[in-house]
Amino acid sequence: MTMSRSWLVLGAALLSACGSYHTLRSDDVVDASDLRLKGTYCGAIPRVYGGVVWDACQLYGEPPADSGNTPPSAPANYAVGPPILPVLDMAFSGVIDTLALPYTLYRQNRDGSIELRRD
């Protein structure tokens, strides 16, 4: 693999780890809708491996109300399609969360988990 292709793969991985992005920039208490977790049953997200947990929370909740007749296999916060997107993002978030582990361990110890406030 050439050096430019390596940077391209790394950039794609960094951009696709949405769960890590949302949790690394979060405060102590956040509206569930601000984290794009409206309808989830999760009450808090730990800072350590928070991106992976964020993706799991995407799958754990009520189906979106605006989707009409949602099949039971649809993820909680995705209107259509199989749950492959959050599962793929979990893999990328796992890599980013591992790289951010020193920071997230410090923040978890200092601030605790990210509490989700309901609308």
PDB file of N, CA and C in Angstrom:
ATOM      1  N   MET A   1       0.852  -1.168   0.000  1.00  0.00           N
ATOM      2  CA  MET A   1       0.000   0.000   0.000  1.00  0.00           C
ATOM      3  C   MET A   1       0.902   1.236   0.000  1.00  0.00           C
ATOM      4  N   THR A   2       0.619   2.150  -0.908  1.00  0.00           N
ATOM      5  CA  THR A   2       1.428   3.353  -0.978  1.00  0.00           C
ATOM      6  C   THR A   2       1.088   4.293   0.166  1.00  0.00           C
ATOM      7  N   MET A   3       1.975   5.254   0.369  1.00  0.00           N
ATOM      8  CA  MET A   3       1.803   6.195   1.470  1.00  0.00           C
ATOM      9  C   MET A   3       0.541   7.032   1.298  1.00  0.00           C
ATOM     10  N   SER A   4       0.238   7.479   0.070  1.00  0.00           N
ATOM     11  CA  SER A   4      -0.952   8.303  -0.133  1.00  0.00           C
ATOM     12  C   SER A   4      -2.227   7.484   0.093  1.00  0.00           C
ATOM     13  N   ARG A   5      -2.208   6.221  -0.283  1.00  0.00           N
ATOM     14  CA  ARG A   5      -3.370   5.370  -0.059  1.00  0.00           C
ATOM     15  C   ARG A   5      -3.565   5.123   1.435  1.00  0.00           C
ATOM     16  N   SER A   6      -2.466   5.001   2.177  1.00  0.00           N
ATOM     17  CA  SER A   6      -2.560   4.828   3.634  1.00  0.00           C
ATOM     18  C   SER A   6      -3.215   6.035   4.282  1.00  0.00           C
ATOM     19  N   TRP A   7      -2.840   7.226   3.864  1.00  0.00           N
ATOM     20  CA  TRP A   7      -3.439   8.442   4.408  1.00  0.00           C
ATOM     21  C   TRP A   7      -4.908   8.540   4.039  1.00  0.00           C
ATOM     22  N   LEU A   8      -5.246   8.083   2.843  1.00  0.00           N
ATOM     23  CA  LEU A   8      -6.643   8.110   2.409  1.00  0.00           C
ATOM     24  C   LEU A   8      -7.482   7.170   3.268  1.00  0.00           C
ATOM     25  N   VAL A   9      -6.981   5.980   3.537  1.00  0.00           N
ATOM     26  CA  VAL A   9      -7.699   5.024   4.382  1.00  0.00           C
ATOM     27  C   VAL A   9      -7.824   5.564   5.802  1.00  0.00           C
ATOM     28  N   LEU A  10      -6.756   6.142   6.342  1.00  0.00           N
ATOM     29  CA  LEU A  10      -6.796   6.717   7.685  1.00  0.00           C
ATOM     30  C   LEU A  10      -7.797   7.867   7.749  1.00  0.00           C
ATOM     31  N   GLY A  11      -7.809   8.732   6.740  1.00  0.00           N
ATOM     32  CA  GLY A  11      -8.758   9.840   6.708  1.00  0.00           C
ATOM     33  C   GLY A  11     -10.198   9.362   6.647  1.00  0.00           C
ATOM     34  N   ALA A  12     -10.453   8.328   5.840  1.00  0.00           N
ATOM     35  CA  ALA A  12     -11.809   7.779   5.755  1.00  0.00           C
ATOM     36  C   ALA A  12     -12.237   7.185   7.091  1.00  0.00           C
ATOM     37  N   ALA A  13     -11.313   6.516   7.757  1.00  0.00           N
ATOM     38  CA  ALA A  13     -11.638   5.933   9.068  1.00  0.00           C
ATOM     39  C   ALA A  13     -11.941   7.024  10.085  1.00  0.00           C
ATOM     40  N   LEU A  14     -11.163   8.092  10.076  1.00  0.00           N
ATOM     41  CA  LEU A  14     -11.391   9.182  11.024  1.00  0.00           C
ATOM     42  C   LEU A  14     -12.714   9.883  10.765  1.00  0.00           C
ATOM     43  N   LEU A  15     -13.059  10.066   9.500  1.00  0.00           N
ATOM     44  CA  LEU A  15     -14.303  10.752   9.170  1.00  0.00           C
ATOM     45  C   LEU A  15     -15.527   9.890   9.428  1.00  0.00           C
ATOM     46  N   SER A  16     -15.370   8.582   9.380  1.00  0.00           N
ATOM     47  CA  SER A  16     -16.546   7.733   9.531  1.00  0.00           C
ATOM     48  C   SER A  16     -16.828   7.347  10.977  1.00  0.00           C
ATOM     49  N   ALA A  17     -15.964   7.646  11.890  1.00  0.00           N
ATOM     50  CA  ALA A  17     -16.169   7.300  13.297  1.00  0.00           C
ATOM     51  C   ALA A  17     -17.043   8.351  13.969  1.00  0.00           C
ATOM     52  N   CYS A  18     -18.284   8.420  13.551  1.00  0.00           N
ATOM     53  CA  CYS A  18     -19.219   9.439  14.048  1.00  0.00           C
ATOM     54  C   CYS A  18     -19.455   9.317  15.548  1.00  0.00           C
ATOM     55  N   GLY A  19     -19.570   8.098  16.042  1.00  0.00           N
ATOM     56  CA  GLY A  19     -19.805   7.903  17.473  1.00  0.00           C
ATOM     57  C   GLY A  19     -18.706   8.505  18.315  1.00  0.00           C
ATOM     58  N   SER A  20     -17.481   8.308  17.911  1.00  0.00           N
ATOM     59  CA  SER A  20     -16.354   8.881  18.648  1.00  0.00           C
ATOM     60  C   SER A  20     -16.382  10.400  18.584  1.00  0.00           C
ATOM     61  N   TYR A  21     -16.701  10.939  17.418  1.00  0.00           N
ATOM     62  CA  TYR A  21     -16.781  12.394  17.278  1.00  0.00           C
ATOM     63  C   TYR A  21     -17.805  12.982  18.236  1.00  0.00           C
ATOM     64  N   HIS A  22     -18.991  12.372  18.279  1.00  0.00           N
ATOM     65  CA  HIS A  22     -20.060  12.898  19.133  1.00  0.00           C
ATOM     66  C   HIS A  22     -19.710  12.806  20.615  1.00  0.00           C
ATOM     67  N   THR A  23     -19.087  11.739  21.034  1.00  0.00           N
ATOM     68  CA  THR A  23     -18.824  11.572  22.462  1.00  0.00           C
ATOM     69  C   THR A  23     -17.560  12.286  22.919  1.00  0.00           C
ATOM     70  N   LEU A  24     -16.558  12.404  22.078  1.00  0.00           N
ATOM     71  CA  LEU A  24     -15.326  13.086  22.491  1.00  0.00           C
ATOM     72  C   LEU A  24     -15.534  14.579  22.686  1.00  0.00           C
ATOM     73  N   ARG A  25     -16.496  15.158  22.009  1.00  0.00           N
ATOM     74  CA  ARG A  25     -16.727  16.607  22.123  1.00  0.00           C
ATOM     75  C   ARG A  25     -17.843  16.950  23.102  1.00  0.00           C
ATOM     76  N   SER A  26     -18.393  15.966  23.804  1.00  0.00           N
ATOM     77  CA  SER A  26     -19.569  16.187  24.644  1.00  0.00           C
ATOM     78  C   SER A  26     -19.223  16.676  26.040  1.00  0.00           C
ATOM     79  N   ASP A  27     -20.183  17.404  26.629  1.00  0.00           N
ATOM     80  CA  ASP A  27     -20.083  17.862  28.011  1.00  0.00           C
ATOM     81  C   ASP A  27     -20.582  16.770  28.948  1.00  0.00           C
ATOM     82  N   ASP A  28     -20.802  17.146  30.209  1.00  0.00           N
ATOM     83  CA  ASP A  28     -21.236  16.171  31.208  1.00  0.00           C
ATOM     84  C   ASP A  28     -22.689  15.751  31.027  1.00  0.00           C
ATOM     85  N   VAL A  29     -23.566  16.688  30.672  1.00  0.00           N
ATOM     86  CA  VAL A  29     -24.980  16.408  30.441  1.00  0.00           C
ATOM     87  C   VAL A  29     -25.331  16.976  29.077  1.00  0.00           C
ATOM     88  N   VAL A  30     -25.931  16.140  28.229  1.00  0.00           N
ATOM     89  CA  VAL A  30     -26.204  16.530  26.855  1.00  0.00           C
ATOM     90  C   VAL A  30     -27.627  16.102  26.505  1.00  0.00           C
ATOM     91  N   ASP A  31     -28.320  16.938  25.715  1.00  0.00           N
ATOM     92  CA  ASP A  31     -29.633  16.530  25.206  1.00  0.00           C
ATOM     93  C   ASP A  31     -29.446  15.339  24.283  1.00  0.00           C
ATOM     94  N   ALA A  32     -30.317  14.355  24.403  1.00  0.00           N
ATOM     95  CA  ALA A  32     -30.223  13.161  23.566  1.00  0.00           C
ATOM     96  C   ALA A  32     -30.304  13.531  22.086  1.00  0.00           C
ATOM     97  N   SER A  33     -31.107  14.530  21.747  1.00  0.00           N
ATOM     98  CA  SER A  33     -31.219  14.926  20.345  1.00  0.00           C
ATOM     99  C   SER A  33     -29.937  15.575  19.835  1.00  0.00           C
ATOM    100  N   ASP A  34     -29.159  16.215  20.709  1.00  0.00           N
ATOM    101  CA  ASP A  34     -27.891  16.801  20.294  1.00  0.00           C
ATOM    102  C   ASP A  34     -26.892  15.736  19.869  1.00  0.00           C
ATOM    103  N   LEU A  35     -26.982  14.557  20.452  1.00  0.00           N
ATOM    104  CA  LEU A  35     -26.095  13.456  20.085  1.00  0.00           C
ATOM    105  C   LEU A  35     -26.724  12.558  19.023  1.00  0.00           C
ATOM    106  N   ARG A  36     -27.819  13.006  18.431  1.00  0.00           N
ATOM    107  CA  ARG A  36     -28.547  12.206  17.443  1.00  0.00           C
ATOM    108  C   ARG A  36     -28.973  10.867  18.037  1.00  0.00           C
ATOM    109  N   LEU A  37     -29.403  10.889  19.285  1.00  0.00           N
ATOM    110  CA  LEU A  37     -29.861   9.687  19.968  1.00  0.00           C
ATOM    111  C   LEU A  37     -31.300   9.819  20.445  1.00  0.00           C
ATOM    112  N   LYS A  38     -32.098  10.582  19.747  1.00  0.00           N
ATOM    113  CA  LYS A  38     -33.491  10.741  20.136  1.00  0.00           C
ATOM    114  C   LYS A  38     -34.198   9.391  20.022  1.00  0.00           C
ATOM    115  N   GLY A  39     -34.912   9.001  21.053  1.00  0.00           N
ATOM    116  CA  GLY A  39     -35.625   7.735  21.057  1.00  0.00           C
ATOM    117  C   GLY A  39     -34.840   6.568  21.615  1.00  0.00           C
ATOM    118  N   THR A  40     -33.608   6.791  22.028  1.00  0.00           N
ATOM    119  CA  THR A  40     -32.822   5.696  22.565  1.00  0.00           C
ATOM    120  C   THR A  40     -33.213   5.409  24.008  1.00  0.00           C
ATOM    121  N   TYR A  41     -32.988   4.197  24.437  1.00  0.00           N
ATOM    122  CA  TYR A  41     -33.244   3.824  25.822  1.00  0.00           C
ATOM    123  C   TYR A  41     -32.005   3.997  26.691  1.00  0.00           C
ATOM    124  N   CYS A  42     -30.895   4.391  26.112  1.00  0.00           N
ATOM    125  CA  CYS A  42     -29.660   4.593  26.879  1.00  0.00           C
ATOM    126  C   CYS A  42     -29.822   5.822  27.779  1.00  0.00           C
ATOM    127  N   GLY A  43     -29.353   5.724  29.014  1.00  0.00           N
ATOM    128  CA  GLY A  43     -29.442   6.841  29.941  1.00  0.00           C
ATOM    129  C   GLY A  43     -28.144   7.603  30.075  1.00  0.00           C
ATOM    130  N   ALA A  44     -27.031   6.923  29.829  1.00  0.00           N
ATOM    131  CA  ALA A  44     -25.715   7.554  29.938  1.00  0.00           C
ATOM    132  C   ALA A  44     -24.753   6.820  29.010  1.00  0.00           C
ATOM    133  N   ILE A  45     -23.723   7.531  28.604  1.00  0.00           N
ATOM    134  CA  ILE A  45     -22.685   6.955  27.751  1.00  0.00           C
ATOM    135  C   ILE A  45     -21.358   7.135  28.464  1.00  0.00           C
ATOM    136  N   PRO A  46     -20.635   6.053  28.712  1.00  0.00           N
ATOM    137  CA  PRO A  46     -19.314   6.209  29.334  1.00  0.00           C
ATOM    138  C   PRO A  46     -18.355   6.878  28.353  1.00  0.00           C
ATOM    139  N   ARG A  47     -17.404   7.587  28.867  1.00  0.00           N
ATOM    140  CA  ARG A  47     -16.438   8.250  27.999  1.00  0.00           C
ATOM    141  C   ARG A  47     -15.440   7.263  27.406  1.00  0.00           C
ATOM    142  N   VAL A  48     -15.100   6.210  28.165  1.00  0.00           N
ATOM    143  CA  VAL A  48     -14.178   5.194  27.673  1.00  0.00           C
ATOM    144  C   VAL A  48     -14.932   4.333  26.663  1.00  0.00           C
ATOM    145  N   TYR A  49     -14.435   4.283  25.449  1.00  0.00           N
ATOM    146  CA  TYR A  49     -15.087   3.612  24.328  1.00  0.00           C
ATOM    147  C   TYR A  49     -16.506   4.134  24.125  1.00  0.00           C
ATOM    148  N   GLY A  50     -16.670   5.431  24.298  1.00  0.00           N
ATOM    149  CA  GLY A  50     -17.967   6.067  24.145  1.00  0.00           C
ATOM    150  C   GLY A  50     -18.496   6.015  22.721  1.00  0.00           C
ATOM    151  N   GLY A  51     -17.618   6.042  21.731  1.00  0.00           N
ATOM    152  CA  GLY A  51     -18.076   5.968  20.346  1.00  0.00           C
ATOM    153  C   GLY A  51     -18.734   4.637  20.034  1.00  0.00           C
ATOM    154  N   VAL A  52     -18.180   3.565  20.566  1.00  0.00           N
ATOM    155  CA  VAL A  52     -18.762   2.241  20.361  1.00  0.00           C
ATOM    156  C   VAL A  52     -20.110   2.150  21.079  1.00  0.00           C
ATOM    157  N   VAL A  53     -20.171   2.686  22.290  1.00  0.00           N
ATOM    158  CA  VAL A  53     -21.436   2.673  23.041  1.00  0.00           C
ATOM    159  C   VAL A  53     -22.471   3.550  22.337  1.00  0.00           C
ATOM    160  N   TRP A  54     -22.052   4.683  21.782  1.00  0.00           N
ATOM    161  CA  TRP A  54     -22.960   5.561  21.043  1.00  0.00           C
ATOM    162  C   TRP A  54     -23.587   4.796  19.884  1.00  0.00           C
ATOM    163  N   ASP A  55     -22.776   4.029  19.163  1.00  0.00           N
ATOM    164  CA  ASP A  55     -23.310   3.237  18.059  1.00  0.00           C
ATOM    165  C   ASP A  55     -24.273   2.166  18.557  1.00  0.00           C
ATOM    166  N   ALA A  56     -23.975   1.552  19.691  1.00  0.00           N
ATOM    167  CA  ALA A  56     -24.891   0.561  20.263  1.00  0.00           C
ATOM    168  C   ALA A  56     -26.205   1.229  20.667  1.00  0.00           C
ATOM    169  N   CYS A  57     -26.136   2.445  21.183  1.00  0.00           N
ATOM    170  CA  CYS A  57     -27.355   3.173  21.549  1.00  0.00           C
ATOM    171  C   CYS A  57     -28.181   3.522  20.318  1.00  0.00           C
ATOM    172  N   GLN A  58     -27.535   3.695  19.172  1.00  0.00           N
ATOM    173  CA  GLN A  58     -28.270   3.924  17.925  1.00  0.00           C
ATOM    174  C   GLN A  58     -29.183   2.747  17.618  1.00  0.00           C
ATOM    175  N   LEU A  59     -28.775   1.568  18.012  1.00  0.00           N
ATOM    176  CA  LEU A  59     -29.543   0.356  17.724  1.00  0.00           C
ATOM    177  C   LEU A  59     -30.560   0.025  18.808  1.00  0.00           C
ATOM    178  N   TYR A  60     -30.462   0.679  19.954  1.00  0.00           N
ATOM    179  CA  TYR A  60     -31.271   0.328  21.119  1.00  0.00           C
ATOM    180  C   TYR A  60     -32.246   1.444  21.433  1.00  0.00           C
ATOM    181  N   GLY A  61     -33.429   1.368  20.877  1.00  0.00           N
ATOM    182  CA  GLY A  61     -34.412   2.400  21.144  1.00  0.00           C
ATOM    183  C   GLY A  61     -35.651   2.237  20.303  1.00  0.00           C
ATOM    184  N   GLU A  62     -36.486   3.263  20.353  1.00  0.00           N
ATOM    185  CA  GLU A  62     -37.738   3.259  19.612  1.00  0.00           C
ATOM    186  C   GLU A  62     -37.462   3.503  18.138  1.00  0.00           C
ATOM    187  N   PRO A  63     -38.256   2.884  17.254  1.00  0.00           N
ATOM    188  CA  PRO A  63     -38.122   3.201  15.828  1.00  0.00           C
ATOM    189  C   PRO A  63     -38.484   4.666  15.594  1.00  0.00           C
ATOM    190  N   PRO A  64     -37.908   5.300  14.593  1.00  0.00           N
ATOM    191  CA  PRO A  64     -38.237   6.701  14.326  1.00  0.00           C
ATOM    192  C   PRO A  64     -39.712   6.862  13.978  1.00  0.00           C
ATOM    193  N   ALA A  65     -40.343   7.897  14.506  1.00  0.00           N
ATOM    194  CA  ALA A  65     -41.773   8.118  14.318  1.00  0.00           C
ATOM    195  C   ALA A  65     -42.116   8.505  12.888  1.00  0.00           C
ATOM    196  N   ASP A  66     -41.211   9.194  12.204  1.00  0.00           N
ATOM    197  CA  ASP A  66     -41.509   9.688  10.865  1.00  0.00           C
ATOM    198  C   ASP A  66     -41.337   8.638   9.776  1.00  0.00           C
ATOM    199  N   SER A  67     -40.959   7.418  10.133  1.00  0.00           N
ATOM    200  CA  SER A  67     -40.714   6.408   9.112  1.00  0.00           C
ATOM    201  C   SER A  67     -41.963   5.618   8.751  1.00  0.00           C
ATOM    202  N   GLY A  68     -43.049   5.846   9.446  1.00  0.00           N
ATOM    203  CA  GLY A  68     -44.284   5.143   9.122  1.00  0.00           C
ATOM    204  C   GLY A  68     -44.261   3.716   9.623  1.00  0.00           C
ATOM    205  N   ASN A  69     -44.249   2.788   8.708  1.00  0.00           N
ATOM    206  CA  ASN A  69     -44.300   1.374   9.049  1.00  0.00           C
ATOM    207  C   ASN A  69     -42.888   0.795   9.031  1.00  0.00           C
ATOM    208  N   THR A  70     -42.179   0.873  10.138  1.00  0.00           N
ATOM    209  CA  THR A  70     -40.801   0.419  10.222  1.00  0.00           C
ATOM    210  C   THR A  70     -40.756  -1.079  10.501  1.00  0.00           C
ATOM    211  N   PRO A  71     -40.016  -1.826   9.712  1.00  0.00           N
ATOM    212  CA  PRO A  71     -39.896  -3.257   9.996  1.00  0.00           C
ATOM    213  C   PRO A  71     -39.131  -3.476  11.295  1.00  0.00           C
ATOM    214  N   PRO A  72     -39.397  -4.578  12.008  1.00  0.00           N
ATOM    215  CA  PRO A  72     -38.758  -4.813  13.292  1.00  0.00           C
ATOM    216  C   PRO A  72     -37.240  -4.921  13.219  1.00  0.00           C
ATOM    217  N   SER A  73     -36.698  -5.250  12.049  1.00  0.00           N
ATOM    218  CA  SER A  73     -35.249  -5.404  11.948  1.00  0.00           C
ATOM    219  C   SER A  73     -34.519  -4.078  11.768  1.00  0.00           C
ATOM    220  N   ALA A  74     -35.257  -2.967  11.619  1.00  0.00           N
ATOM    221  CA  ALA A  74     -34.624  -1.671  11.422  1.00  0.00           C
ATOM    222  C   ALA A  74     -34.054  -1.156  12.735  1.00  0.00           C
ATOM    223  N   PRO A  75     -32.871  -0.558  12.699  1.00  0.00           N
ATOM    224  CA  PRO A  75     -32.292   0.010  13.914  1.00  0.00           C
ATOM    225  C   PRO A  75     -33.145   1.137  14.464  1.00  0.00           C
ATOM    226  N   ALA A  76     -32.931   1.451  15.718  1.00  0.00           N
ATOM    227  CA  ALA A  76     -33.768   2.412  16.421  1.00  0.00           C
ATOM    228  C   ALA A  76     -33.775   3.794  15.775  1.00  0.00           C
ATOM    229  N   ASN A  77     -32.630   4.321  15.436  1.00  0.00           N
ATOM    230  CA  ASN A  77     -32.560   5.697  14.957  1.00  0.00           C
ATOM    231  C   ASN A  77     -32.260   5.803  13.467  1.00  0.00           C
ATOM    232  N   TYR A  78     -32.405   4.726  12.739  1.00  0.00           N
ATOM    233  CA  TYR A  78     -32.219   4.741  11.290  1.00  0.00           C
ATOM    234  C   TYR A  78     -33.552   4.394  10.650  1.00  0.00           C
ATOM    235  N   ALA A  79     -34.036   5.248   9.747  1.00  0.00           N
ATOM    236  CA  ALA A  79     -35.360   5.072   9.170  1.00  0.00           C
ATOM    237  C   ALA A  79     -35.439   3.858   8.250  1.00  0.00           C
ATOM    238  N   VAL A  80     -34.453   3.648   7.431  1.00  0.00           N
ATOM    239  CA  VAL A  80     -34.489   2.520   6.499  1.00  0.00           C
ATOM    240  C   VAL A  80     -33.143   1.834   6.477  1.00  0.00           C
ATOM    241  N   GLY A  81     -33.165   0.613   5.993  1.00  0.00           N
ATOM    242  CA  GLY A  81     -31.916  -0.100   5.785  1.00  0.00           C
ATOM    243  C   GLY A  81     -31.532  -0.982   6.952  1.00  0.00           C
ATOM    244  N   PRO A  82     -30.633  -1.892   6.691  1.00  0.00           N
ATOM    245  CA  PRO A  82     -30.176  -2.809   7.740  1.00  0.00           C
ATOM    246  C   PRO A  82     -29.254  -2.103   8.721  1.00  0.00           C
ATOM    247  N   PRO A  83     -29.018  -2.706   9.874  1.00  0.00           N
ATOM    248  CA  PRO A  83     -28.168  -2.063  10.885  1.00  0.00           C
ATOM    249  C   PRO A  83     -26.685  -2.142  10.561  1.00  0.00           C
ATOM    250  N   ILE A  84     -26.317  -2.224   9.297  1.00  0.00           N
ATOM    251  CA  ILE A  84     -24.910  -2.356   8.927  1.00  0.00           C
ATOM    252  C   ILE A  84     -24.143  -1.055   9.157  1.00  0.00           C
ATOM    253  N   LEU A  85     -24.796   0.101   8.989  1.00  0.00           N
ATOM    254  CA  LEU A  85     -24.083   1.371   9.160  1.00  0.00           C
ATOM    255  C   LEU A  85     -23.560   1.558  10.585  1.00  0.00           C
ATOM    256  N   PRO A  86     -24.385   1.375  11.618  1.00  0.00           N
ATOM    257  CA  PRO A  86     -23.832   1.514  12.961  1.00  0.00           C
ATOM    258  C   PRO A  86     -22.793   0.438  13.282  1.00  0.00           C
ATOM    259  N   VAL A  87     -22.944  -0.735  12.707  1.00  0.00           N
ATOM    260  CA  VAL A  87     -21.971  -1.807  12.971  1.00  0.00           C
ATOM    261  C   VAL A  87     -20.634  -1.465  12.327  1.00  0.00           C
ATOM    262  N   LEU A  88     -20.651  -0.933  11.110  1.00  0.00           N
ATOM    263  CA  LEU A  88     -19.400  -0.502  10.472  1.00  0.00           C
ATOM    264  C   LEU A  88     -18.776   0.662  11.239  1.00  0.00           C
ATOM    265  N   ASP A  89     -19.624   1.598  11.665  1.00  0.00           N
ATOM    266  CA  ASP A  89     -19.103   2.729  12.427  1.00  0.00           C
ATOM    267  C   ASP A  89     -18.517   2.269  13.756  1.00  0.00           C
ATOM    268  N   MET A  90     -19.073   1.202  14.339  1.00  0.00           N
ATOM    269  CA  MET A  90     -18.514   0.662  15.586  1.00  0.00           C
ATOM    270  C   MET A  90     -17.064   0.240  15.407  1.00  0.00           C
ATOM    271  N   ALA A  91     -16.759  -0.355  14.273  1.00  0.00           N
ATOM    272  CA  ALA A  91     -15.386  -0.791  14.016  1.00  0.00           C
ATOM    273  C   ALA A  91     -14.437   0.405  13.952  1.00  0.00           C
ATOM    274  N   PHE A  92     -14.827   1.429  13.199  1.00  0.00           N
ATOM    275  CA  PHE A  92     -13.984   2.625  13.100  1.00  0.00           C
ATOM    276  C   PHE A  92     -13.920   3.369  14.434  1.00  0.00           C
ATOM    277  N   SER A  93     -15.046   3.437  15.127  1.00  0.00           N
ATOM    278  CA  SER A  93     -15.061   4.096  16.433  1.00  0.00           C
ATOM    279  C   SER A  93     -14.187   3.352  17.430  1.00  0.00           C
ATOM    280  N   GLY A  94     -14.146   2.025  17.334  1.00  0.00           N
ATOM    281  CA  GLY A  94     -13.279   1.245  18.212  1.00  0.00           C
ATOM    282  C   GLY A  94     -11.819   1.614  18.044  1.00  0.00           C
ATOM    283  N   VAL A  95     -11.414   1.853  16.805  1.00  0.00           N
ATOM    284  CA  VAL A  95     -10.028   2.257  16.540  1.00  0.00           C
ATOM    285  C   VAL A  95      -9.766   3.650  17.116  1.00  0.00           C
ATOM    286  N   ILE A  96     -10.658   4.593  16.829  1.00  0.00           N
ATOM    287  CA  ILE A  96     -10.482   5.961  17.326  1.00  0.00           C
ATOM    288  C   ILE A  96     -10.548   5.990  18.845  1.00  0.00           C
ATOM    289  N   ASP A  97     -11.483   5.245  19.435  1.00  0.00           N
ATOM    290  CA  ASP A  97     -11.604   5.211  20.895  1.00  0.00           C
ATOM    291  C   ASP A  97     -10.357   4.617  21.544  1.00  0.00           C
ATOM    292  N   THR A  98      -9.732   3.654  20.893  1.00  0.00           N
ATOM    293  CA  THR A  98      -8.494   3.088  21.428  1.00  0.00           C
ATOM    294  C   THR A  98      -7.381   4.123  21.399  1.00  0.00           C
ATOM    295  N   LEU A  99      -7.298   4.889  20.322  1.00  0.00           N
ATOM    296  CA  LEU A  99      -6.272   5.933  20.237  1.00  0.00           C
ATOM    297  C   LEU A  99      -6.514   7.046  21.262  1.00  0.00           C
ATOM    298  N   ALA A 100      -7.774   7.309  21.573  1.00  0.00           N
ATOM    299  CA  ALA A 100      -8.125   8.371  22.521  1.00  0.00           C
ATOM    300  C   ALA A 100      -8.208   7.865  23.956  1.00  0.00           C
ATOM    301  N   LEU A 101      -7.820   6.639  24.202  1.00  0.00           N
ATOM    302  CA  LEU A 101      -7.984   6.034  25.520  1.00  0.00           C
ATOM    303  C   LEU A 101      -7.334   6.819  26.659  1.00  0.00           C
ATOM    304  N   PRO A 102      -6.115   7.339  26.530  1.00  0.00           N
ATOM    305  CA  PRO A 102      -5.564   8.121  27.648  1.00  0.00           C
ATOM    306  C   PRO A 102      -6.433   9.330  28.014  1.00  0.00           C
ATOM    307  N   TYR A 103      -6.933  10.024  27.006  1.00  0.00           N
ATOM    308  CA  TYR A 103      -7.789  11.189  27.240  1.00  0.00           C
ATOM    309  C   TYR A 103      -9.118  10.777  27.859  1.00  0.00           C
ATOM    310  N   THR A 104      -9.748   9.725  27.324  1.00  0.00           N
ATOM    311  CA  THR A 104     -11.057   9.337  27.824  1.00  0.00           C
ATOM    312  C   THR A 104     -10.984   8.728  29.222  1.00  0.00           C
ATOM    313  N   LEU A 105      -9.904   8.053  29.536  1.00  0.00           N
ATOM    314  CA  LEU A 105      -9.743   7.548  30.908  1.00  0.00           C
ATOM    315  C   LEU A 105      -9.655   8.710  31.894  1.00  0.00           C
ATOM    316  N   TYR A 106      -8.906   9.743  31.521  1.00  0.00           N
ATOM    317  CA  TYR A 106      -8.791  10.930  32.364  1.00  0.00           C
ATOM    318  C   TYR A 106     -10.152  11.609  32.530  1.00  0.00           C
ATOM    319  N   ARG A 107     -10.877  11.815  31.405  1.00  0.00           N
ATOM    320  CA  ARG A 107     -12.188  12.486  31.480  1.00  0.00           C
ATOM    321  C   ARG A 107     -13.219  11.654  32.237  1.00  0.00           C
ATOM    322  N   GLN A 108     -13.173  10.327  32.081  1.00  0.00           N
ATOM    323  CA  GLN A 108     -14.113   9.470  32.803  1.00  0.00           C
ATOM    324  C   GLN A 108     -13.874   9.580  34.300  1.00  0.00           C
ATOM    325  N   ASN A 109     -12.611   9.606  34.690  1.00  0.00           N
ATOM    326  CA  ASN A 109     -12.262   9.721  36.106  1.00  0.00           C
ATOM    327  C   ASN A 109     -12.638  11.090  36.658  1.00  0.00           C
ATOM    328  N   ARG A 110     -12.411  12.141  35.882  1.00  0.00           N
ATOM    329  CA  ARG A 110     -12.675  13.502  36.335  1.00  0.00           C
ATOM    330  C   ARG A 110     -14.154  13.870  36.277  1.00  0.00           C
ATOM    331  N   ASP A 111     -14.832  13.534  35.161  1.00  0.00           N
ATOM    332  CA  ASP A 111     -16.194  14.025  34.923  1.00  0.00           C
ATOM    333  C   ASP A 111     -17.272  12.949  34.978  1.00  0.00           C
ATOM    334  N   GLY A 112     -16.909  11.702  34.868  1.00  0.00           N
ATOM    335  CA  GLY A 112     -17.905  10.628  34.833  1.00  0.00           C
ATOM    336  C   GLY A 112     -18.496  10.459  33.443  1.00  0.00           C
ATOM    337  N   SER A 113     -19.566   9.699  33.375  1.00  0.00           N
ATOM    338  CA  SER A 113     -20.215   9.405  32.099  1.00  0.00           C
ATOM    339  C   SER A 113     -20.995  10.608  31.592  1.00  0.00           C
ATOM    340  N   ILE A 114     -21.336  10.557  30.314  1.00  0.00           N
ATOM    341  CA  ILE A 114     -22.148  11.595  29.675  1.00  0.00           C
ATOM    342  C   ILE A 114     -23.611  11.238  29.913  1.00  0.00           C
ATOM    343  N   GLU A 115     -24.310  12.055  30.672  1.00  0.00           N
ATOM    344  CA  GLU A 115     -25.719  11.817  30.964  1.00  0.00           C
ATOM    345  C   GLU A 115     -26.572  12.343  29.809  1.00  0.00           C
ATOM    346  N   LEU A 116     -27.546  11.548  29.391  1.00  0.00           N
ATOM    347  CA  LEU A 116     -28.445  11.965  28.313  1.00  0.00           C
ATOM    348  C   LEU A 116     -29.717  12.543  28.899  1.00  0.00           C
ATOM    349  N   ARG A 117     -29.983  13.793  28.589  1.00  0.00           N
ATOM    350  CA  ARG A 117     -31.190  14.479  29.042  1.00  0.00           C
ATOM    351  C   ARG A 117     -32.251  14.330  27.961  1.00  0.00           C
ATOM    352  N   ARG A 118     -33.460  14.035  28.351  1.00  0.00           N
ATOM    353  CA  ARG A 118     -34.572  13.853  27.409  1.00  0.00           C
ATOM    354  C   ARG A 118     -35.216  15.193  27.109  1.00  0.00           C
ATOM    355  N   ASP A 119     -35.737  15.312  25.897  1.00  0.00           N
ATOM    356  CA  ASP A 119     -36.407  16.548  25.462  1.00  0.00           C
ATOM    357  C   ASP A 119     -37.680  16.787  26.211  1.00  0.00           C
TER     358      ASP A 119
END
